[in-house]
Amino acid sequence: MAAATLFTAAPVAAQGQEARLTPATGTQGRVAMRGGHDGRTAWMTVEHRNLQLQKRFAAETGIAVAELRAGRDHVTVTAAPAFIRVARDGHTVTLDSPAAVERAVALIGGSQAIFAARILLAELEATSALDPPDVSLLSTLAFVASLVGDVEAPRRVADRVVAKHRGFVRPVVLSGGSCWMSYLSEVTAAWNDLQGCMEESYDDPWWWSPFARLACNAIWALRAESAWFEYLKCLSPASSVSH
């Protein structure tokens, strides 16, 4: 299937072409974003200064993969319903225990690509218009940041999205209502679950709590990716739902 194209403002697009997404507010001319889907996988590419980010989400398996590059530095972050994995310089760590979290930080903590991603997150957090492409990018950047110590990054992003759009959210499902409202409904539901998960993690033993919070962040990131995928499908030319 040819990749469907999309834009942030309307579902007007021609199939078979790459989609250029509107850069986040405050970063015009400095962030290049492209994205699309083929009916089974959603993808996005981002360029910002020396950072190159490529990410994809497979709806059938629920697995999201983000590849970050800065110069010769290359980091791959994989999030799945059953695991989190990071890879760099031929080394891979599966985050399945508190000790593994420490090994992952040692592996990617000094990465130029991770540092560039955190810079972009810092620039966009307060300036983004928080449209679906922006939120998709921010969710990935925040999850990456949480892997190297900024565990609250996903909740900060989620809080801002919900706070900005709270008055517009209505109980809709993905098969009805506008694409935008369906997207907001799922993102808000994911935010509710993230809040509860994070609060529960504070009752865990001190040595287990950081690992538990990363698990919460991974679940939220995957739900954000799933919402992005469904939003793209909704906007595709074959969709009968208006935006």
C-alpha atoms as a PDB file:
ATOM      1  CA  MET A   1       0.000   0.000   0.000  1.00  0.00           C
ATOM      2  CA  ALA A   2       1.286   3.454  -0.866  1.00  0.00           C
ATOM      3  CA  ALA A   3       1.974   5.722   2.072  1.00  0.00           C
ATOM      4  CA  ALA A   4      -0.874   8.088   2.842  1.00  0.00           C
ATOM      5  CA  THR A   5       0.004  11.751   3.119  1.00  0.00           C
ATOM      6  CA  LEU A   6      -1.276  14.144   5.719  1.00  0.00           C
ATOM      7  CA  PHE A   7      -0.991  17.670   6.987  1.00  0.00           C
ATOM      8  CA  THR A   8      -1.692  19.150  10.388  1.00  0.00           C
ATOM      9  CA  ALA A   9      -4.568  21.355   9.262  1.00  0.00           C
ATOM     10  CA  ALA A  10      -6.705  19.197   6.976  1.00  0.00           C
ATOM     11  CA  PRO A  11      -6.966  15.724   5.432  1.00  0.00           C
ATOM     12  CA  VAL A  12      -6.362  17.075   1.929  1.00  0.00           C
ATOM     13  CA  ALA A  13      -3.502  15.053   0.451  1.00  0.00           C
ATOM     14  CA  ALA A  14      -2.362  12.998  -2.480  1.00  0.00           C
ATOM     15  CA  GLN A  15      -1.441   9.366  -1.991  1.00  0.00           C
ATOM     16  CA  GLY A  16       2.047   8.095  -2.702  1.00  0.00           C
ATOM     17  CA  GLN A  17       3.866  11.225  -1.551  1.00  0.00           C
ATOM     18  CA  GLU A  18       5.795  12.051   1.574  1.00  0.00           C
ATOM     19  CA  ALA A  19       4.011  14.420   3.942  1.00  0.00           C
ATOM     20  CA  ARG A  20       5.682  17.531   5.306  1.00  0.00           C
ATOM     21  CA  LEU A  21       4.311  18.390   8.729  1.00  0.00           C
ATOM     22  CA  THR A  22       4.018  21.906  10.067  1.00  0.00           C
ATOM     23  CA  PRO A  23       7.000  22.653  12.344  1.00  0.00           C
ATOM     24  CA  ALA A  24       6.215  23.218  15.993  1.00  0.00           C
ATOM     25  CA  THR A  25       5.453  26.785  17.070  1.00  0.00           C
ATOM     26  CA  GLY A  26       8.586  28.788  17.776  1.00  0.00           C
ATOM     27  CA  THR A  27      10.842  26.583  15.660  1.00  0.00           C
ATOM     28  CA  GLN A  28       9.951  27.679  12.145  1.00  0.00           C
ATOM     29  CA  GLY A  29      12.825  27.020   9.764  1.00  0.00           C
ATOM     30  CA  ARG A  30      14.752  24.938  12.290  1.00  0.00           C
ATOM     31  CA  VAL A  31      12.752  21.728  12.655  1.00  0.00           C
ATOM     32  CA  ALA A  32      11.893  19.655   9.589  1.00  0.00           C
ATOM     33  CA  MET A  33       9.142  17.099  10.253  1.00  0.00           C
ATOM     34  CA  ARG A  34       7.691  14.503   7.910  1.00  0.00           C
ATOM     35  CA  GLY A  35       5.275  11.700   8.624  1.00  0.00           C
ATOM     36  CA  GLY A  36       2.770   9.255   7.265  1.00  0.00           C
ATOM     37  CA  HIS A  37       1.404   5.727   7.442  1.00  0.00           C
ATOM     38  CA  ASP A  38       0.896   2.722   5.192  1.00  0.00           C
ATOM     39  CA  GLY A  39      -2.137   1.311   6.979  1.00  0.00           C
ATOM     40  CA  ARG A  40      -0.077  -0.809   9.359  1.00  0.00           C
ATOM     41  CA  THR A  41       2.846   1.387  10.410  1.00  0.00           C
ATOM     42  CA  ALA A  42       3.076   5.069  11.301  1.00  0.00           C
ATOM     43  CA  TRP A  43       6.383   6.870  10.845  1.00  0.00           C
ATOM     44  CA  MET A  44       7.992  10.247  11.410  1.00  0.00           C
ATOM     45  CA  THR A  45      11.351  11.785  10.560  1.00  0.00           C
ATOM     46  CA  VAL A  46      12.688  14.912  12.236  1.00  0.00           C
ATOM     47  CA  GLU A  47      15.777  17.019  11.623  1.00  0.00           C
ATOM     48  CA  HIS A  48      16.903  19.697  14.041  1.00  0.00           C
ATOM     49  CA  ARG A  49      20.413  21.121  13.964  1.00  0.00           C
ATOM     50  CA  ASN A  50      22.672  18.068  14.300  1.00  0.00           C
ATOM     51  CA  LEU A  51      19.862  15.724  15.398  1.00  0.00           C
ATOM     52  CA  GLN A  52      18.203  13.246  13.072  1.00  0.00           C
ATOM     53  CA  LEU A  53      15.285  11.321  14.521  1.00  0.00           C
ATOM     54  CA  GLN A  54      13.456   8.518  12.762  1.00  0.00           C
ATOM     55  CA  LYS A  55      10.634   6.712  14.488  1.00  0.00           C
ATOM     56  CA  ARG A  56       8.044   4.169  13.522  1.00  0.00           C
ATOM     57  CA  PHE A  57       5.168   2.406  15.244  1.00  0.00           C
ATOM     58  CA  ALA A  58       3.766  -0.965  14.177  1.00  0.00           C
ATOM     59  CA  ALA A  59       0.098  -1.072  15.141  1.00  0.00           C
ATOM     60  CA  GLU A  60      -0.196  -4.862  14.983  1.00  0.00           C
ATOM     61  CA  THR A  61       2.622  -5.536  17.451  1.00  0.00           C
ATOM     62  CA  GLY A  62       2.423  -2.287  19.429  1.00  0.00           C
ATOM     63  CA  ILE A  63       6.188  -1.809  19.090  1.00  0.00           C
ATOM     64  CA  ALA A  64       7.715   1.658  18.665  1.00  0.00           C
ATOM     65  CA  VAL A  65      11.299   2.168  17.509  1.00  0.00           C
ATOM     66  CA  ALA A  66      13.139   5.492  17.595  1.00  0.00           C
ATOM     67  CA  GLU A  67      16.553   5.946  16.004  1.00  0.00           C
ATOM     68  CA  LEU A  68      18.496   9.049  17.010  1.00  0.00           C
ATOM     69  CA  ARG A  69      21.627  10.262  15.263  1.00  0.00           C
ATOM     70  CA  ALA A  70      23.984  13.161  15.911  1.00  0.00           C
ATOM     71  CA  GLY A  71      27.188  13.087  13.919  1.00  0.00           C
ATOM     72  CA  ARG A  72      28.539   9.548  14.162  1.00  0.00           C
ATOM     73  CA  ASP A  73      26.597   8.784  17.337  1.00  0.00           C
ATOM     74  CA  HIS A  74      23.623   6.458  16.849  1.00  0.00           C
ATOM     75  CA  VAL A  75      21.143   5.315  19.514  1.00  0.00           C
ATOM     76  CA  THR A  76      18.131   3.060  19.040  1.00  0.00           C
ATOM     77  CA  VAL A  77      15.317   2.989  21.580  1.00  0.00           C
ATOM     78  CA  THR A  78      12.666   0.268  21.321  1.00  0.00           C
ATOM     79  CA  ALA A  79       9.509   0.284  23.412  1.00  0.00           C
ATOM     80  CA  ALA A  80       7.116  -2.653  23.384  1.00  0.00           C
ATOM     81  CA  PRO A  81       4.261  -3.779  25.626  1.00  0.00           C
ATOM     82  CA  ALA A  82       6.625  -6.322  27.230  1.00  0.00           C
ATOM     83  CA  PHE A  83      10.016  -4.604  27.202  1.00  0.00           C
ATOM     84  CA  ILE A  84      12.155  -1.494  26.759  1.00  0.00           C
ATOM     85  CA  ARG A  85      15.482  -1.788  24.952  1.00  0.00           C
ATOM     86  CA  VAL A  86      18.298   0.637  24.128  1.00  0.00           C
ATOM     87  CA  ALA A  87      21.238   0.082  21.803  1.00  0.00           C
ATOM     88  CA  ARG A  88      24.397   2.042  21.058  1.00  0.00           C
ATOM     89  CA  ASP A  89      27.818   1.238  19.593  1.00  0.00           C
ATOM     90  CA  GLY A  90      26.984  -2.430  19.166  1.00  0.00           C
ATOM     91  CA  HIS A  91      25.807  -2.823  22.766  1.00  0.00           C
ATOM     92  CA  THR A  92      22.203  -3.509  23.797  1.00  0.00           C
ATOM     93  CA  VAL A  93      20.502  -3.298  27.172  1.00  0.00           C
ATOM     94  CA  THR A  94      17.007  -4.568  27.907  1.00  0.00           C
ATOM     95  CA  LEU A  95      15.525  -2.641  30.803  1.00  0.00           C
ATOM     96  CA  ASP A  96      14.007  -5.471  32.815  1.00  0.00           C
ATOM     97  CA  SER A  97      15.308  -4.614  36.286  1.00  0.00           C
ATOM     98  CA  PRO A  98      16.610  -1.659  38.321  1.00  0.00           C
ATOM     99  CA  ALA A  99      20.171  -2.827  37.631  1.00  0.00           C
ATOM    100  CA  ALA A 100      19.460  -2.822  33.894  1.00  0.00           C
ATOM    101  CA  VAL A 101      18.271   0.789  34.159  1.00  0.00           C
ATOM    102  CA  GLU A 102      21.694   1.723  35.533  1.00  0.00           C
ATOM    103  CA  ARG A 103      23.408  -0.102  32.673  1.00  0.00           C
ATOM    104  CA  ALA A 104      21.212   1.688  30.156  1.00  0.00           C
ATOM    105  CA  VAL A 105      22.073   5.093  31.634  1.00  0.00           C
ATOM    106  CA  ALA A 106      25.763   4.193  31.470  1.00  0.00           C
ATOM    107  CA  LEU A 107      25.358   3.174  27.823  1.00  0.00           C
ATOM    108  CA  ILE A 108      23.417   6.157  26.477  1.00  0.00           C
ATOM    109  CA  GLY A 109      23.846   8.839  29.137  1.00  0.00           C
ATOM    110  CA  GLY A 110      26.828  10.421  27.352  1.00  0.00           C
ATOM    111  CA  SER A 111      25.331  10.142  23.878  1.00  0.00           C
ATOM    112  CA  GLN A 112      25.444  13.228  21.645  1.00  0.00           C
ATOM    113  CA  ALA A 113      22.194  12.096  20.016  1.00  0.00           C
ATOM    114  CA  ILE A 114      20.438  11.832  23.388  1.00  0.00           C
ATOM    115  CA  PHE A 115      21.792  15.236  24.394  1.00  0.00           C
ATOM    116  CA  ALA A 116      20.512  16.771  21.142  1.00  0.00           C
ATOM    117  CA  ALA A 117      17.094  15.179  21.731  1.00  0.00           C
ATOM    118  CA  ARG A 118      16.923  16.666  25.218  1.00  0.00           C
ATOM    119  CA  ILE A 119      17.809  20.095  23.847  1.00  0.00           C
ATOM    120  CA  LEU A 120      14.970  19.838  21.337  1.00  0.00           C
ATOM    121  CA  LEU A 121      12.575  18.738  24.078  1.00  0.00           C
ATOM    122  CA  ALA A 122      13.560  21.730  26.204  1.00  0.00           C
ATOM    123  CA  GLU A 123      12.969  24.098  23.282  1.00  0.00           C
ATOM    124  CA  LEU A 124       9.581  22.649  22.328  1.00  0.00           C
ATOM    125  CA  GLU A 125       8.024  21.986  25.727  1.00  0.00           C
ATOM    126  CA  ALA A 126       6.978  25.597  26.271  1.00  0.00           C
ATOM    127  CA  THR A 127       6.512  26.706  22.654  1.00  0.00           C
ATOM    128  CA  SER A 128       4.792  23.865  20.816  1.00  0.00           C
ATOM    129  CA  ALA A 129       1.250  24.362  19.530  1.00  0.00           C
ATOM    130  CA  LEU A 130       0.594  20.786  20.713  1.00  0.00           C
ATOM    131  CA  ASP A 131      -1.004  19.612  17.497  1.00  0.00           C
ATOM    132  CA  PRO A 132      -0.913  15.806  16.989  1.00  0.00           C
ATOM    133  CA  PRO A 133       2.431  15.811  15.098  1.00  0.00           C
ATOM    134  CA  ASP A 134       3.960  17.956  17.858  1.00  0.00           C
ATOM    135  CA  VAL A 135       2.635  15.685  20.592  1.00  0.00           C
ATOM    136  CA  SER A 136       3.888  12.615  18.759  1.00  0.00           C
ATOM    137  CA  LEU A 137       7.367  14.124  18.601  1.00  0.00           C
ATOM    138  CA  LEU A 138       7.294  15.412  22.173  1.00  0.00           C
ATOM    139  CA  SER A 139       6.134  12.061  23.550  1.00  0.00           C
ATOM    140  CA  THR A 140       9.130  10.365  21.979  1.00  0.00           C
ATOM    141  CA  LEU A 141      11.593  13.008  23.136  1.00  0.00           C
ATOM    142  CA  ALA A 142      10.156  12.923  26.654  1.00  0.00           C
ATOM    143  CA  PHE A 143      10.362   9.141  26.840  1.00  0.00           C
ATOM    144  CA  VAL A 144      13.981   9.247  25.665  1.00  0.00           C
ATOM    145  CA  ALA A 145      14.741  11.885  28.312  1.00  0.00           C
ATOM    146  CA  SER A 146      13.149   9.697  30.978  1.00  0.00           C
ATOM    147  CA  LEU A 147      15.611   6.917  30.169  1.00  0.00           C
ATOM    148  CA  VAL A 148      18.543   9.084  31.249  1.00  0.00           C
ATOM    149  CA  GLY A 149      17.153  10.570  34.417  1.00  0.00           C
ATOM    150  CA  ASP A 150      14.349  13.002  33.550  1.00  0.00           C
ATOM    151  CA  VAL A 151      11.667  10.570  34.665  1.00  0.00           C
ATOM    152  CA  GLU A 152       8.997  13.283  34.941  1.00  0.00           C
ATOM    153  CA  ALA A 153       9.419  14.464  31.318  1.00  0.00           C
ATOM    154  CA  PRO A 154       6.499  12.423  29.897  1.00  0.00           C
ATOM    155  CA  ARG A 155       4.164  13.605  32.646  1.00  0.00           C
ATOM    156  CA  ARG A 156       5.156  17.249  32.025  1.00  0.00           C
ATOM    157  CA  VAL A 157       4.301  16.910  28.346  1.00  0.00           C
ATOM    158  CA  ALA A 158       1.080  15.016  29.039  1.00  0.00           C
ATOM    159  CA  ASP A 159       0.029  17.575  31.656  1.00  0.00           C
ATOM    160  CA  ARG A 160       0.513  20.451  29.235  1.00  0.00           C
ATOM    161  CA  VAL A 161      -1.428  18.739  26.449  1.00  0.00           C
ATOM    162  CA  VAL A 162      -4.389  18.011  28.699  1.00  0.00           C
ATOM    163  CA  ALA A 163      -4.291  21.429  30.357  1.00  0.00           C
ATOM    164  CA  LYS A 164      -4.376  23.200  26.994  1.00  0.00           C
ATOM    165  CA  HIS A 165      -7.138  21.126  25.452  1.00  0.00           C
ATOM    166  CA  ARG A 166      -9.161  20.087  28.494  1.00  0.00           C
ATOM    167  CA  GLY A 167     -12.107  22.318  27.606  1.00  0.00           C
ATOM    168  CA  PHE A 168     -12.417  20.780  24.152  1.00  0.00           C
ATOM    169  CA  VAL A 169     -12.298  17.112  25.057  1.00  0.00           C
ATOM    170  CA  ARG A 170     -15.558  15.195  24.696  1.00  0.00           C
ATOM    171  CA  PRO A 171     -16.292  11.487  25.162  1.00  0.00           C
ATOM    172  CA  VAL A 172     -15.823  10.279  21.619  1.00  0.00           C
ATOM    173  CA  VAL A 173     -14.513   7.085  20.106  1.00  0.00           C
ATOM    174  CA  LEU A 174     -12.172   6.654  17.170  1.00  0.00           C
ATOM    175  CA  SER A 175     -15.018   5.495  14.957  1.00  0.00           C
ATOM    176  CA  GLY A 176     -17.012   8.687  15.467  1.00  0.00           C
ATOM    177  CA  GLY A 177     -16.522  12.403  15.935  1.00  0.00           C
ATOM    178  CA  SER A 178     -13.689  14.371  14.378  1.00  0.00           C
ATOM    179  CA  CYS A 179     -10.181  12.995  13.990  1.00  0.00           C
ATOM    180  CA  TRP A 180      -8.896  15.710  16.308  1.00  0.00           C
ATOM    181  CA  MET A 181     -11.459  15.021  19.030  1.00  0.00           C
ATOM    182  CA  SER A 182     -10.868  11.280  18.857  1.00  0.00           C
ATOM    183  CA  TYR A 183      -7.162  11.890  19.191  1.00  0.00           C
ATOM    184  CA  LEU A 184      -7.605  14.165  22.199  1.00  0.00           C
ATOM    185  CA  SER A 185      -9.899  11.667  23.864  1.00  0.00           C
ATOM    186  CA  GLU A 186      -7.272   8.910  23.680  1.00  0.00           C
ATOM    187  CA  VAL A 187      -4.414  11.179  24.755  1.00  0.00           C
ATOM    188  CA  THR A 188      -6.460  12.312  27.747  1.00  0.00           C
ATOM    189  CA  ALA A 189      -7.272   8.718  28.704  1.00  0.00           C
ATOM    190  CA  ALA A 190      -3.575   7.878  28.476  1.00  0.00           C
ATOM    191  CA  TRP A 191      -2.802  10.871  30.716  1.00  0.00           C
ATOM    192  CA  ASN A 192      -5.233   9.599  33.350  1.00  0.00           C
ATOM    193  CA  ASP A 193      -3.557   6.186  33.348  1.00  0.00           C
ATOM    194  CA  LEU A 194      -0.084   7.747  33.493  1.00  0.00           C
ATOM    195  CA  GLN A 195      -1.038   9.806  36.530  1.00  0.00           C
ATOM    196  CA  GLY A 196      -2.337   6.763  38.368  1.00  0.00           C
ATOM    197  CA  CYS A 197       0.625   4.602  37.399  1.00  0.00           C
ATOM    198  CA  MET A 198       3.156   7.201  38.522  1.00  0.00           C
ATOM    199  CA  GLU A 199       1.403   7.762  41.830  1.00  0.00           C
ATOM    200  CA  GLU A 200       1.400   4.025  42.524  1.00  0.00           C
ATOM    201  CA  SER A 201       5.127   3.833  41.758  1.00  0.00           C
ATOM    202  CA  TYR A 202       5.909   6.093  44.702  1.00  0.00           C
ATOM    203  CA  ASP A 203       4.667   3.361  47.029  1.00  0.00           C
ATOM    204  CA  ASP A 204       7.237   0.928  45.666  1.00  0.00           C
ATOM    205  CA  PRO A 205      10.592   0.329  47.416  1.00  0.00           C
ATOM    206  CA  TRP A 206      13.164   3.033  46.646  1.00  0.00           C
ATOM    207  CA  TRP A 207      15.293   0.669  44.579  1.00  0.00           C
ATOM    208  CA  TRP A 208      12.325  -0.463  42.442  1.00  0.00           C
ATOM    209  CA  SER A 209      10.475   2.818  42.040  1.00  0.00           C
ATOM    210  CA  PRO A 210      12.627   4.331  39.214  1.00  0.00           C
ATOM    211  CA  PHE A 211      12.184   1.179  37.135  1.00  0.00           C
ATOM    212  CA  ALA A 212       8.432   1.204  37.770  1.00  0.00           C
ATOM    213  CA  ARG A 213       8.200   4.840  36.615  1.00  0.00           C
ATOM    214  CA  LEU A 214      10.005   4.019  33.391  1.00  0.00           C
ATOM    215  CA  ALA A 215       7.473   1.264  32.799  1.00  0.00           C
ATOM    216  CA  CYS A 216       4.683   3.831  33.307  1.00  0.00           C
ATOM    217  CA  ASN A 217       6.371   6.159  30.818  1.00  0.00           C
ATOM    218  CA  ALA A 218       6.733   3.381  28.253  1.00  0.00           C
ATOM    219  CA  ILE A 219       3.040   2.541  28.448  1.00  0.00           C
ATOM    220  CA  TRP A 220       2.132   6.211  27.979  1.00  0.00           C
ATOM    221  CA  ALA A 221       4.548   6.590  25.054  1.00  0.00           C
ATOM    222  CA  LEU A 222       3.080   3.554  23.311  1.00  0.00           C
ATOM    223  CA  ARG A 223      -0.457   4.836  23.787  1.00  0.00           C
ATOM    224  CA  ALA A 224       0.609   8.195  22.354  1.00  0.00           C
ATOM    225  CA  GLU A 225       2.067   6.373  19.332  1.00  0.00           C
ATOM    226  CA  SER A 226      -1.132   4.361  18.905  1.00  0.00           C
ATOM    227  CA  ALA A 227      -3.212   7.550  19.050  1.00  0.00           C
ATOM    228  CA  TRP A 228      -0.936   9.125  16.420  1.00  0.00           C
ATOM    229  CA  PHE A 229      -1.357   6.083  14.165  1.00  0.00           C
ATOM    230  CA  GLU A 230      -5.145   6.186  14.460  1.00  0.00           C
ATOM    231  CA  TYR A 231      -5.133   9.929  13.814  1.00  0.00           C
ATOM    232  CA  LEU A 232      -3.164   9.440  10.595  1.00  0.00           C
ATOM    233  CA  LYS A 233      -5.530   6.722   9.442  1.00  0.00           C
ATOM    234  CA  CYS A 234      -8.463   8.997  10.207  1.00  0.00           C
ATOM    235  CA  LEU A 235      -6.938  11.747   8.081  1.00  0.00           C
ATOM    236  CA  SER A 236      -6.110   9.471   5.167  1.00  0.00           C
ATOM    237  CA  PRO A 237      -7.956  10.080   1.874  1.00  0.00           C
ATOM    238  CA  ALA A 238      -9.917   6.841   2.351  1.00  0.00           C
ATOM    239  CA  SER A 239     -11.369   8.077   5.636  1.00  0.00           C
ATOM    240  CA  SER A 240     -14.916   9.412   5.710  1.00  0.00           C
ATOM    241  CA  VAL A 241     -14.347  11.332   8.935  1.00  0.00           C
ATOM    242  CA  SER A 242     -13.796  15.064   8.614  1.00  0.00           C
ATOM    243  CA  HIS A 243     -11.243  17.107  10.573  1.00  0.00           C
END
